[in-house]
Structures are given as structure tokens and as C-alpha cells.
Amino acid sequence: MIDPPSNIQKMHPISSRQHLLFDADDTLWENNIYFDQAFADFVAFLNHEHLATAEIQAVMDELQIANRATHGYGARSFARSLRGTFQHIAGVPDDDPDLETVERMGLRILDQQFEIMDGVLATIDALRPHHDLMMVTKGHLEEQQLKVERSGIEQHFDSVVIVDEKDEHIYRSIVDSLDLDPRLTWMIGNSPRSDINPAIRAGINAIYIPHPRTWHLEVEEVEETHDPAAILLHLSRFSDLTALFVPGGRESSPAQSERTG
């Protein structure tokens, strides 16, 4: 469980032009639900007599952590981990036909008709006239490019940045390469590990919008910023961004903005 900051204040709309960096997976569109479904199908196919789902997940986690160093993120890496998990647990040889079956369970995510999150389109349209909007997403380059294209919302952003990993160095590099003012720059996303904590450490503002199905390997405690000039906010919904960044935007929702720093 991630505890919210203790200092809660109601933010007034920010009228000056800001640089808003948006995570994509599980912030702009649904993503992890498809991986969860593929894993559930995998567990059902494995049909192990003794291992519980949590034990199978633990094996899968080890392989995913090992694979991401070489193969990164995305459906192809996930499919490779499904295959390795099945082989490890079932003890089958490399040419067992079931390995191809479980690998396809992961690869089918590539063809998934994913959906834009509630409130995203209207909110982006409201923000665009007032601020610079950039999409910052991590994962396999080809897979992420395909997602961006299929989303149909690429034209709403001034730029799209796809990286292998999101860390403090990457955020500093983005700020430097795009010549952004850190005090006017915000990273907005659902992942504490990739969106919020490294952005805070890089000295930019951050807005955490939780997603109930965030990948568990992306979940960690949200750090508090120790920079008095930096802002960390927790919002309940993507559409709450309108109240913060659009002059004359609607009043803040009952789940008010939470601020530290």
C-alpha cells in the first residue's frame, strides 16, 4: 500500500505554460490488463497440481527481471518469460510443442485492440492550447511505436519519446535535450518505479495517478521530494488534470490534490 503525502493542499489552476510529460501504458491507454489475462490463461493451461498461482508468479517474476536486462519490456519479452516459466516448472525439452503454445499466449498481446483510458481525450484536448504535451513511454521500440500509432492520439502531442528504461538519467536527458525548464516540467503517470520516483530524483515535478492494475513489478513506495521548489501530487483521475492546468477548469474533485515539497 502506498501512503499519500501528509501535507494536503488544494491547488489553484496553473496558468503559466508548462511542459507536461505523459506516461502511456496504463496512463493514456490500458495495457497491463492484457498481460494479466495472458498470465491467467497460462496458469490455467499449466494446470499444476501443487503450485499456487503466487508461486508460479514468483518464478515468472525472476525470469522477467532477468530478461528485461537483455530483451527489455513488452509482449515479446513477456512471451519469452512465459515460455521459460513453463519449461522450468514442467521440465519439458526445448522442442516440446507446448512451449510454442504458451509463447503465443504472450505474443497475441501484440494484436490486442487496446482502449484509451476514460477522460484522456477530453483532458488532452483541454490541456493542449495552454501547455506543451509530450508522451514519454518505455519498452520495445517497435512495439511502442505500434501502440502510439494505433492509439490515434499521437497528433495531440508535440513530441513522442520512446526509451528502453525510465530512470533519473533519462529524465535529466529529456529535460536537457528538449531544453525544458525543470521547474515547469511535470512527469505524469501511474508507475512509482518508472514515472514518479526517478522524475522526483531528476528534479522535476511529478503527478501520480494510480491504476488498480499497475504491473506489480512497477509498484514501490512513492518518494517524497526534498526539493522545496518541486511539487509531487497524487490525483485520483486523469481528468483531474484539467482543474490544475486549465484556466477556468472545473473545481477539484472530492479526492483533492495532495502536495508535498
C-alpha atoms as a PDB file:
ATOM      1  CA  MET A   1       0.000   0.000   0.000  1.00  0.00           C
ATOM      2  CA  ILE A   2       1.371   3.399  -0.958  1.00  0.00           C
ATOM      3  CA  ASP A   3       0.756   6.099   1.626  1.00  0.00           C
ATOM      4  CA  PRO A   4      -0.172   9.576   0.332  1.00  0.00           C
ATOM      5  CA  PRO A   5       1.806  12.655   1.394  1.00  0.00           C
ATOM      6  CA  SER A   6       0.771  14.090   4.746  1.00  0.00           C
ATOM      7  CA  ASN A   7       0.600  17.718   3.630  1.00  0.00           C
ATOM      8  CA  ILE A   8      -2.649  18.130   1.673  1.00  0.00           C
ATOM      9  CA  GLN A   9      -3.451  21.392  -0.061  1.00  0.00           C
ATOM     10  CA  LYS A  10      -5.936  22.410  -2.718  1.00  0.00           C
ATOM     11  CA  MET A  11      -4.018  23.518  -5.785  1.00  0.00           C
ATOM     12  CA  HIS A  12      -5.051  26.573  -7.756  1.00  0.00           C
ATOM     13  CA  PRO A  13      -5.023  26.275 -11.551  1.00  0.00           C
ATOM     14  CA  ILE A  14      -1.549  26.806 -13.011  1.00  0.00           C
ATOM     15  CA  SER A  15      -1.919  29.406 -15.735  1.00  0.00           C
ATOM     16  CA  SER A  16       1.681  29.729 -16.952  1.00  0.00           C
ATOM     17  CA  ARG A  17       2.757  27.444 -19.793  1.00  0.00           C
ATOM     18  CA  GLN A  18       4.130  24.126 -18.513  1.00  0.00           C
ATOM     19  CA  HIS A  19       5.887  21.113 -20.030  1.00  0.00           C
ATOM     20  CA  LEU A  20       3.705  18.058 -19.374  1.00  0.00           C
ATOM     21  CA  LEU A  21       5.305  14.649 -19.904  1.00  0.00           C
ATOM     22  CA  PHE A  22       2.833  11.777 -20.055  1.00  0.00           C
ATOM     23  CA  ASP A  23       3.442   8.104 -19.491  1.00  0.00           C
ATOM     24  CA  ALA A  24       1.487   5.979 -21.996  1.00  0.00           C
ATOM     25  CA  ASP A  25       0.859   2.412 -20.766  1.00  0.00           C
ATOM     26  CA  ASP A  26      -1.846   2.413 -18.064  1.00  0.00           C
ATOM     27  CA  THR A  27      -1.914   6.215 -18.052  1.00  0.00           C
ATOM     28  CA  LEU A  28      -3.151   7.075 -21.540  1.00  0.00           C
ATOM     29  CA  TRP A  29      -4.349   3.595 -22.504  1.00  0.00           C
ATOM     30  CA  GLU A  30      -4.984   0.229 -20.888  1.00  0.00           C
ATOM     31  CA  ASN A  31      -2.031  -2.114 -21.018  1.00  0.00           C
ATOM     32  CA  ASN A  32      -1.352  -4.389 -18.074  1.00  0.00           C
ATOM     33  CA  ILE A  33      -4.838  -5.916 -18.077  1.00  0.00           C
ATOM     34  CA  TYR A  34      -3.880  -7.779 -21.256  1.00  0.00           C
ATOM     35  CA  PHE A  35      -0.710  -9.164 -19.686  1.00  0.00           C
ATOM     36  CA  ASP A  36      -2.689 -10.200 -16.605  1.00  0.00           C
ATOM     37  CA  GLN A  37      -5.191 -12.055 -18.775  1.00  0.00           C
ATOM     38  CA  ALA A  38      -2.428 -13.815 -20.694  1.00  0.00           C
ATOM     39  CA  PHE A  39      -0.817 -14.909 -17.432  1.00  0.00           C
ATOM     40  CA  ALA A  40      -4.163 -16.187 -16.110  1.00  0.00           C
ATOM     41  CA  ASP A  41      -4.609 -18.214 -19.309  1.00  0.00           C
ATOM     42  CA  PHE A  42      -1.063 -19.524 -18.893  1.00  0.00           C
ATOM     43  CA  VAL A  43      -1.743 -20.675 -15.314  1.00  0.00           C
ATOM     44  CA  ALA A  44      -4.912 -22.435 -16.468  1.00  0.00           C
ATOM     45  CA  PHE A  45      -3.009 -24.145 -19.295  1.00  0.00           C
ATOM     46  CA  LEU A  46      -0.199 -25.206 -16.966  1.00  0.00           C
ATOM     47  CA  ASN A  47      -2.793 -26.660 -14.575  1.00  0.00           C
ATOM     48  CA  HIS A  48      -0.169 -27.526 -11.994  1.00  0.00           C
ATOM     49  CA  GLU A  49      -1.218 -29.937  -9.294  1.00  0.00           C
ATOM     50  CA  HIS A  50       0.700 -28.379  -6.425  1.00  0.00           C
ATOM     51  CA  LEU A  51       1.938 -24.870  -7.220  1.00  0.00           C
ATOM     52  CA  ALA A  52      -0.356 -21.968  -6.353  1.00  0.00           C
ATOM     53  CA  THR A  53      -0.713 -19.007  -8.712  1.00  0.00           C
ATOM     54  CA  ALA A  54       1.515 -16.885  -6.445  1.00  0.00           C
ATOM     55  CA  GLU A  55       4.282 -19.498  -6.641  1.00  0.00           C
ATOM     56  CA  ILE A  56       4.049 -19.614 -10.424  1.00  0.00           C
ATOM     57  CA  GLN A  57       4.105 -15.803 -10.466  1.00  0.00           C
ATOM     58  CA  ALA A  58       7.290 -15.817  -8.381  1.00  0.00           C
ATOM     59  CA  VAL A  59       9.042 -17.998 -10.982  1.00  0.00           C
ATOM     60  CA  MET A  60       7.751 -15.747 -13.750  1.00  0.00           C
ATOM     61  CA  ASP A  61       8.954 -12.623 -11.922  1.00  0.00           C
ATOM     62  CA  GLU A  62      12.510 -13.924 -11.677  1.00  0.00           C
ATOM     63  CA  LEU A  63      12.591 -14.627 -15.395  1.00  0.00           C
ATOM     64  CA  GLN A  64      11.056 -11.261 -16.302  1.00  0.00           C
ATOM     65  CA  ILE A  65      13.601  -9.404 -14.200  1.00  0.00           C
ATOM     66  CA  ALA A  66      16.420 -11.388 -15.816  1.00  0.00           C
ATOM     67  CA  ASN A  67      15.008 -10.999 -19.334  1.00  0.00           C
ATOM     68  CA  ARG A  68      14.386  -7.259 -19.171  1.00  0.00           C
ATOM     69  CA  ALA A  69      18.124  -6.604 -18.889  1.00  0.00           C
ATOM     70  CA  THR A  70      18.628  -8.195 -22.322  1.00  0.00           C
ATOM     71  CA  HIS A  71      15.240  -8.139 -24.009  1.00  0.00           C
ATOM     72  CA  GLY A  72      13.585  -5.140 -22.370  1.00  0.00           C
ATOM     73  CA  TYR A  73       9.851  -4.808 -21.896  1.00  0.00           C
ATOM     74  CA  GLY A  74       6.831  -5.666 -23.983  1.00  0.00           C
ATOM     75  CA  ALA A  75       4.876  -8.620 -25.304  1.00  0.00           C
ATOM     76  CA  ARG A  76       7.845 -10.362 -26.906  1.00  0.00           C
ATOM     77  CA  SER A  77       9.880 -10.312 -23.716  1.00  0.00           C
ATOM     78  CA  PHE A  78       6.796 -11.365 -21.749  1.00  0.00           C
ATOM     79  CA  ALA A  79       6.198 -14.283 -24.133  1.00  0.00           C
ATOM     80  CA  ARG A  80       9.812 -15.360 -23.693  1.00  0.00           C
ATOM     81  CA  SER A  81       9.315 -15.344 -19.918  1.00  0.00           C
ATOM     82  CA  LEU A  82       6.102 -17.399 -20.228  1.00  0.00           C
ATOM     83  CA  ARG A  83       7.998 -19.970 -22.259  1.00  0.00           C
ATOM     84  CA  GLY A  84      10.846 -20.075 -19.742  1.00  0.00           C
ATOM     85  CA  THR A  85       8.464 -20.362 -16.806  1.00  0.00           C
ATOM     86  CA  PHE A  86       6.637 -23.288 -18.402  1.00  0.00           C
ATOM     87  CA  GLN A  87       9.863 -25.072 -19.219  1.00  0.00           C
ATOM     88  CA  HIS A  88      11.245 -24.517 -15.713  1.00  0.00           C
ATOM     89  CA  ILE A  89       8.121 -25.787 -13.956  1.00  0.00           C
ATOM     90  CA  ALA A  90       7.085 -28.549 -16.341  1.00  0.00           C
ATOM     91  CA  GLY A  91      10.629 -29.707 -17.072  1.00  0.00           C
ATOM     92  CA  VAL A  92       9.948 -30.227 -20.770  1.00  0.00           C
ATOM     93  CA  PRO A  93      12.625 -30.277 -23.526  1.00  0.00           C
ATOM     94  CA  ASP A  94      13.272 -27.361 -25.858  1.00  0.00           C
ATOM     95  CA  ASP A  95      11.247 -28.907 -28.677  1.00  0.00           C
ATOM     96  CA  ASP A  96       8.089 -29.548 -26.650  1.00  0.00           C
ATOM     97  CA  PRO A  97       5.114 -28.193 -28.666  1.00  0.00           C
ATOM     98  CA  ASP A  98       3.507 -26.753 -25.520  1.00  0.00           C
ATOM     99  CA  LEU A  99       6.298 -24.175 -25.389  1.00  0.00           C
ATOM    100  CA  GLU A 100       5.076 -22.670 -28.642  1.00  0.00           C
ATOM    101  CA  THR A 101       1.530 -22.631 -27.283  1.00  0.00           C
ATOM    102  CA  VAL A 102       2.418 -20.663 -24.165  1.00  0.00           C
ATOM    103  CA  GLU A 103       4.668 -18.302 -26.121  1.00  0.00           C
ATOM    104  CA  ARG A 104       1.741 -17.444 -28.411  1.00  0.00           C
ATOM    105  CA  MET A 105      -0.276 -16.519 -25.316  1.00  0.00           C
ATOM    106  CA  GLY A 106       2.122 -13.638 -24.822  1.00  0.00           C
ATOM    107  CA  LEU A 107       2.575 -12.706 -28.461  1.00  0.00           C
ATOM    108  CA  ARG A 108      -1.168 -12.331 -29.032  1.00  0.00           C
ATOM    109  CA  ILE A 109      -0.973  -9.152 -26.951  1.00  0.00           C
ATOM    110  CA  LEU A 110       0.643  -7.536 -29.981  1.00  0.00           C
ATOM    111  CA  ASP A 111      -2.684  -7.792 -31.807  1.00  0.00           C
ATOM    112  CA  GLN A 112      -4.810  -6.706 -28.873  1.00  0.00           C
ATOM    113  CA  GLN A 113      -7.355  -3.954 -29.523  1.00  0.00           C
ATOM    114  CA  PHE A 114      -6.448  -1.795 -26.548  1.00  0.00           C
ATOM    115  CA  GLU A 115      -8.548   1.090 -25.286  1.00  0.00           C
ATOM    116  CA  ILE A 116      -7.847   4.687 -24.367  1.00  0.00           C
ATOM    117  CA  MET A 117      -8.415   5.396 -20.664  1.00  0.00           C
ATOM    118  CA  ASP A 118     -11.536   7.236 -19.543  1.00  0.00           C
ATOM    119  CA  GLY A 119     -11.223  11.006 -19.723  1.00  0.00           C
ATOM    120  CA  VAL A 120      -7.922  11.041 -21.606  1.00  0.00           C
ATOM    121  CA  LEU A 121      -9.071  12.502 -24.914  1.00  0.00           C
ATOM    122  CA  ALA A 122     -11.156  15.299 -23.417  1.00  0.00           C
ATOM    123  CA  THR A 123      -8.420  16.181 -20.935  1.00  0.00           C
ATOM    124  CA  ILE A 124      -5.657  16.221 -23.550  1.00  0.00           C
ATOM    125  CA  ASP A 125      -7.790  18.430 -25.786  1.00  0.00           C
ATOM    126  CA  ALA A 126      -8.340  20.843 -22.889  1.00  0.00           C
ATOM    127  CA  LEU A 127      -4.636  20.954 -21.956  1.00  0.00           C
ATOM    128  CA  ARG A 128      -3.156  21.297 -25.423  1.00  0.00           C
ATOM    129  CA  PRO A 129      -3.900  25.008 -26.051  1.00  0.00           C
ATOM    130  CA  HIS A 130      -2.214  26.002 -22.799  1.00  0.00           C
ATOM    131  CA  HIS A 131       0.795  23.700 -22.377  1.00  0.00           C
ATOM    132  CA  ASP A 132       3.458  21.661 -24.175  1.00  0.00           C
ATOM    133  CA  LEU A 133       2.443  17.984 -24.236  1.00  0.00           C
ATOM    134  CA  MET A 134       4.965  15.176 -24.653  1.00  0.00           C
ATOM    135  CA  MET A 135       4.475  11.419 -24.493  1.00  0.00           C
ATOM    136  CA  VAL A 136       7.293   9.563 -22.741  1.00  0.00           C
ATOM    137  CA  THR A 137       6.943   5.789 -22.891  1.00  0.00           C
ATOM    138  CA  LYS A 138       9.303   2.895 -22.317  1.00  0.00           C
ATOM    139  CA  GLY A 139       9.534  -0.515 -23.922  1.00  0.00           C
ATOM    140  CA  HIS A 140      10.482  -2.295 -27.116  1.00  0.00           C
ATOM    141  CA  LEU A 141      10.827   0.419 -29.762  1.00  0.00           C
ATOM    142  CA  GLU A 142       8.793  -1.321 -32.466  1.00  0.00           C
ATOM    143  CA  GLU A 143       6.056  -2.396 -30.062  1.00  0.00           C
ATOM    144  CA  GLN A 144       5.716   1.038 -28.505  1.00  0.00           C
ATOM    145  CA  GLN A 145       5.678   2.761 -31.896  1.00  0.00           C
ATOM    146  CA  LEU A 146       2.867   0.451 -32.961  1.00  0.00           C
ATOM    147  CA  LYS A 147       0.894   1.285 -29.816  1.00  0.00           C
ATOM    148  CA  VAL A 148       1.362   5.000 -30.383  1.00  0.00           C
ATOM    149  CA  GLU A 149       0.201   4.719 -33.985  1.00  0.00           C
ATOM    150  CA  ARG A 150      -2.790   2.546 -33.139  1.00  0.00           C
ATOM    151  CA  SER A 151      -3.833   4.817 -30.283  1.00  0.00           C
ATOM    152  CA  GLY A 152      -4.855   7.549 -32.699  1.00  0.00           C
ATOM    153  CA  ILE A 153      -3.776  10.287 -30.276  1.00  0.00           C
ATOM    154  CA  GLU A 154      -0.202  10.910 -31.407  1.00  0.00           C
ATOM    155  CA  GLN A 155      -1.215  14.150 -33.132  1.00  0.00           C
ATOM    156  CA  HIS A 156      -2.315  15.571 -29.772  1.00  0.00           C
ATOM    157  CA  PHE A 157       1.304  15.649 -28.565  1.00  0.00           C
ATOM    158  CA  ASP A 158       4.172  17.911 -29.527  1.00  0.00           C
ATOM    159  CA  SER A 159       6.614  15.005 -29.388  1.00  0.00           C
ATOM    160  CA  VAL A 160       6.838  11.309 -28.547  1.00  0.00           C
ATOM    161  CA  VAL A 161       9.865   9.880 -26.750  1.00  0.00           C
ATOM    162  CA  ILE A 162      10.369   6.099 -26.541  1.00  0.00           C
ATOM    163  CA  VAL A 163      13.092   4.827 -24.233  1.00  0.00           C
ATOM    164  CA  ASP A 164      14.324   1.404 -23.121  1.00  0.00           C
ATOM    165  CA  GLU A 165      14.047   2.318 -19.451  1.00  0.00           C
ATOM    166  CA  LYS A 166      12.907   5.263 -17.366  1.00  0.00           C
ATOM    167  CA  ASP A 167      15.350   6.383 -14.726  1.00  0.00           C
ATOM    168  CA  GLU A 168      16.749   9.582 -13.295  1.00  0.00           C
ATOM    169  CA  HIS A 169      19.343   9.845 -16.070  1.00  0.00           C
ATOM    170  CA  ILE A 170      16.688   9.542 -18.782  1.00  0.00           C
ATOM    171  CA  TYR A 171      14.554  12.311 -17.295  1.00  0.00           C
ATOM    172  CA  ARG A 172      17.545  14.623 -16.976  1.00  0.00           C
ATOM    173  CA  SER A 173      18.471  13.813 -20.574  1.00  0.00           C
ATOM    174  CA  ILE A 174      14.953  14.623 -21.796  1.00  0.00           C
ATOM    175  CA  VAL A 175      14.954  17.934 -19.958  1.00  0.00           C
ATOM    176  CA  ASP A 176      18.356  18.825 -21.392  1.00  0.00           C
ATOM    177  CA  SER A 177      17.736  17.660 -24.964  1.00  0.00           C
ATOM    178  CA  LEU A 178      14.367  19.423 -25.229  1.00  0.00           C
ATOM    179  CA  ASP A 179      15.666  22.495 -23.368  1.00  0.00           C
ATOM    180  CA  LEU A 180      12.946  22.328 -20.710  1.00  0.00           C
ATOM    181  CA  ASP A 181      12.806  24.323 -17.505  1.00  0.00           C
ATOM    182  CA  PRO A 182      12.744  21.675 -14.717  1.00  0.00           C
ATOM    183  CA  ARG A 183      10.554  23.898 -12.534  1.00  0.00           C
ATOM    184  CA  LEU A 184       7.927  23.992 -15.265  1.00  0.00           C
ATOM    185  CA  THR A 185       8.207  20.302 -16.141  1.00  0.00           C
ATOM    186  CA  TRP A 186       5.875  17.570 -14.869  1.00  0.00           C
ATOM    187  CA  MET A 187       6.004  13.789 -15.282  1.00  0.00           C
ATOM    188  CA  ILE A 188       2.524  12.286 -15.143  1.00  0.00           C
ATOM    189  CA  GLY A 189       1.997   8.548 -14.764  1.00  0.00           C
ATOM    190  CA  ASN A 190       0.839   5.500 -12.826  1.00  0.00           C
ATOM    191  CA  SER A 191       4.133   3.774 -12.049  1.00  0.00           C
ATOM    192  CA  PRO A 192       6.044   4.782  -8.906  1.00  0.00           C
ATOM    193  CA  ARG A 193       9.136   2.904 -10.125  1.00  0.00           C
ATOM    194  CA  SER A 194       9.308   4.364 -13.638  1.00  0.00           C
ATOM    195  CA  ASP A 195       7.232   7.557 -13.710  1.00  0.00           C
ATOM    196  CA  ILE A 196       7.279   9.163 -10.287  1.00  0.00           C
ATOM    197  CA  ASN A 197      10.344   8.361  -8.213  1.00  0.00           C
ATOM    198  CA  PRO A 198      13.002   8.814 -10.928  1.00  0.00           C
ATOM    199  CA  ALA A 199      11.339  12.066 -12.014  1.00  0.00           C
ATOM    200  CA  ILE A 200      11.475  13.339  -8.455  1.00  0.00           C
ATOM    201  CA  ARG A 201      15.134  12.398  -8.201  1.00  0.00           C
ATOM    202  CA  ALA A 202      15.780  14.199 -11.501  1.00  0.00           C
ATOM    203  CA  GLY A 203      14.447  17.420 -10.008  1.00  0.00           C
ATOM    204  CA  ILE A 204      11.199  17.778 -11.940  1.00  0.00           C
ATOM    205  CA  ASN A 205       7.618  17.824 -10.694  1.00  0.00           C
ATOM    206  CA  ALA A 206       5.535  14.650 -10.717  1.00  0.00           C
ATOM    207  CA  ILE A 207       1.867  13.685 -10.695  1.00  0.00           C
ATOM    208  CA  TYR A 208       0.961  10.177  -9.585  1.00  0.00           C
ATOM    209  CA  ILE A 209      -2.328   8.825 -10.955  1.00  0.00           C
ATOM    210  CA  PRO A 210      -2.700   5.257  -9.652  1.00  0.00           C
ATOM    211  CA  HIS A 211      -4.083   2.478 -11.811  1.00  0.00           C
ATOM    212  CA  PRO A 212      -5.624  -0.511  -9.984  1.00  0.00           C
ATOM    213  CA  ARG A 213      -3.939  -2.963 -12.359  1.00  0.00           C
ATOM    214  CA  THR A 214      -0.440  -1.470 -12.448  1.00  0.00           C
ATOM    215  CA  TRP A 215       2.168  -4.191 -13.027  1.00  0.00           C
ATOM    216  CA  HIS A 216       3.278  -5.311  -9.565  1.00  0.00           C
ATOM    217  CA  LEU A 217       6.970  -5.051 -10.534  1.00  0.00           C
ATOM    218  CA  GLU A 218       6.400  -1.316 -11.113  1.00  0.00           C
ATOM    219  CA  VAL A 219       4.919  -0.739  -7.658  1.00  0.00           C
ATOM    220  CA  GLU A 220       7.042   0.719  -4.862  1.00  0.00           C
ATOM    221  CA  GLU A 221       6.706   3.398  -2.222  1.00  0.00           C
ATOM    222  CA  VAL A 222       6.338   6.886  -3.652  1.00  0.00           C
ATOM    223  CA  GLU A 223       9.247   9.020  -2.501  1.00  0.00           C
ATOM    224  CA  GLU A 224       8.694  12.449  -1.045  1.00  0.00           C
ATOM    225  CA  THR A 225      10.550  15.252  -2.728  1.00  0.00           C
ATOM    226  CA  HIS A 226      13.096  17.040  -0.578  1.00  0.00           C
ATOM    227  CA  ASP A 227      13.391  19.928  -3.014  1.00  0.00           C
ATOM    228  CA  PRO A 228      11.230  22.785  -1.640  1.00  0.00           C
ATOM    229  CA  ALA A 229      10.650  24.081  -5.165  1.00  0.00           C
ATOM    230  CA  ALA A 230       9.424  20.760  -6.540  1.00  0.00           C
ATOM    231  CA  ILE A 231       5.853  19.511  -6.410  1.00  0.00           C
ATOM    232  CA  LEU A 232       4.528  15.970  -6.042  1.00  0.00           C
ATOM    233  CA  LEU A 233       0.782  15.462  -6.499  1.00  0.00           C
ATOM    234  CA  HIS A 234      -1.475  12.442  -6.153  1.00  0.00           C
ATOM    235  CA  LEU A 235      -4.637  12.553  -8.268  1.00  0.00           C
ATOM    236  CA  SER A 236      -7.493  10.086  -8.427  1.00  0.00           C
ATOM    237  CA  ARG A 237      -8.353  10.516 -12.096  1.00  0.00           C
ATOM    238  CA  PHE A 238      -6.670  11.655 -15.293  1.00  0.00           C
ATOM    239  CA  SER A 239      -9.428  14.222 -15.826  1.00  0.00           C
ATOM    240  CA  ASP A 240      -8.409  15.971 -12.577  1.00  0.00           C
ATOM    241  CA  LEU A 241      -5.502  17.456 -14.560  1.00  0.00           C
ATOM    242  CA  THR A 242      -7.972  19.927 -16.059  1.00  0.00           C
ATOM    243  CA  ALA A 243      -8.561  21.559 -12.686  1.00  0.00           C
ATOM    244  CA  LEU A 244      -4.814  22.027 -12.245  1.00  0.00           C
ATOM    245  CA  PHE A 245      -3.679  23.160 -15.670  1.00  0.00           C
ATOM    246  CA  VAL A 246      -6.598  24.758 -17.498  1.00  0.00           C
ATOM    247  CA  PRO A 247      -7.558  28.339 -16.628  1.00  0.00           C
ATOM    248  CA  GLY A 248     -11.180  28.281 -15.560  1.00  0.00           C
ATOM    249  CA  GLY A 249     -11.104  24.489 -15.300  1.00  0.00           C
ATOM    250  CA  ARG A 250     -13.667  22.736 -13.166  1.00  0.00           C
ATOM    251  CA  GLU A 251     -13.264  22.606  -9.401  1.00  0.00           C
ATOM    252  CA  SER A 252     -11.039  19.914  -7.984  1.00  0.00           C
ATOM    253  CA  SER A 253     -12.762  16.588  -7.414  1.00  0.00           C
ATOM    254  CA  PRO A 254     -13.647  15.332  -3.901  1.00  0.00           C
ATOM    255  CA  ALA A 255     -10.348  13.438  -3.949  1.00  0.00           C
ATOM    256  CA  GLN A 256      -8.348  16.662  -3.807  1.00  0.00           C
ATOM    257  CA  SER A 257      -4.803  17.113  -4.989  1.00  0.00           C
ATOM    258  CA  GLU A 258      -2.153  16.150  -2.474  1.00  0.00           C
ATOM    259  CA  ARG A 259       1.040  18.135  -2.426  1.00  0.00           C
ATOM    260  CA  THR A 260       4.468  17.720  -0.890  1.00  0.00           C
ATOM    261  CA  GLY A 261       7.503  19.890  -1.211  1.00  0.00           C
END
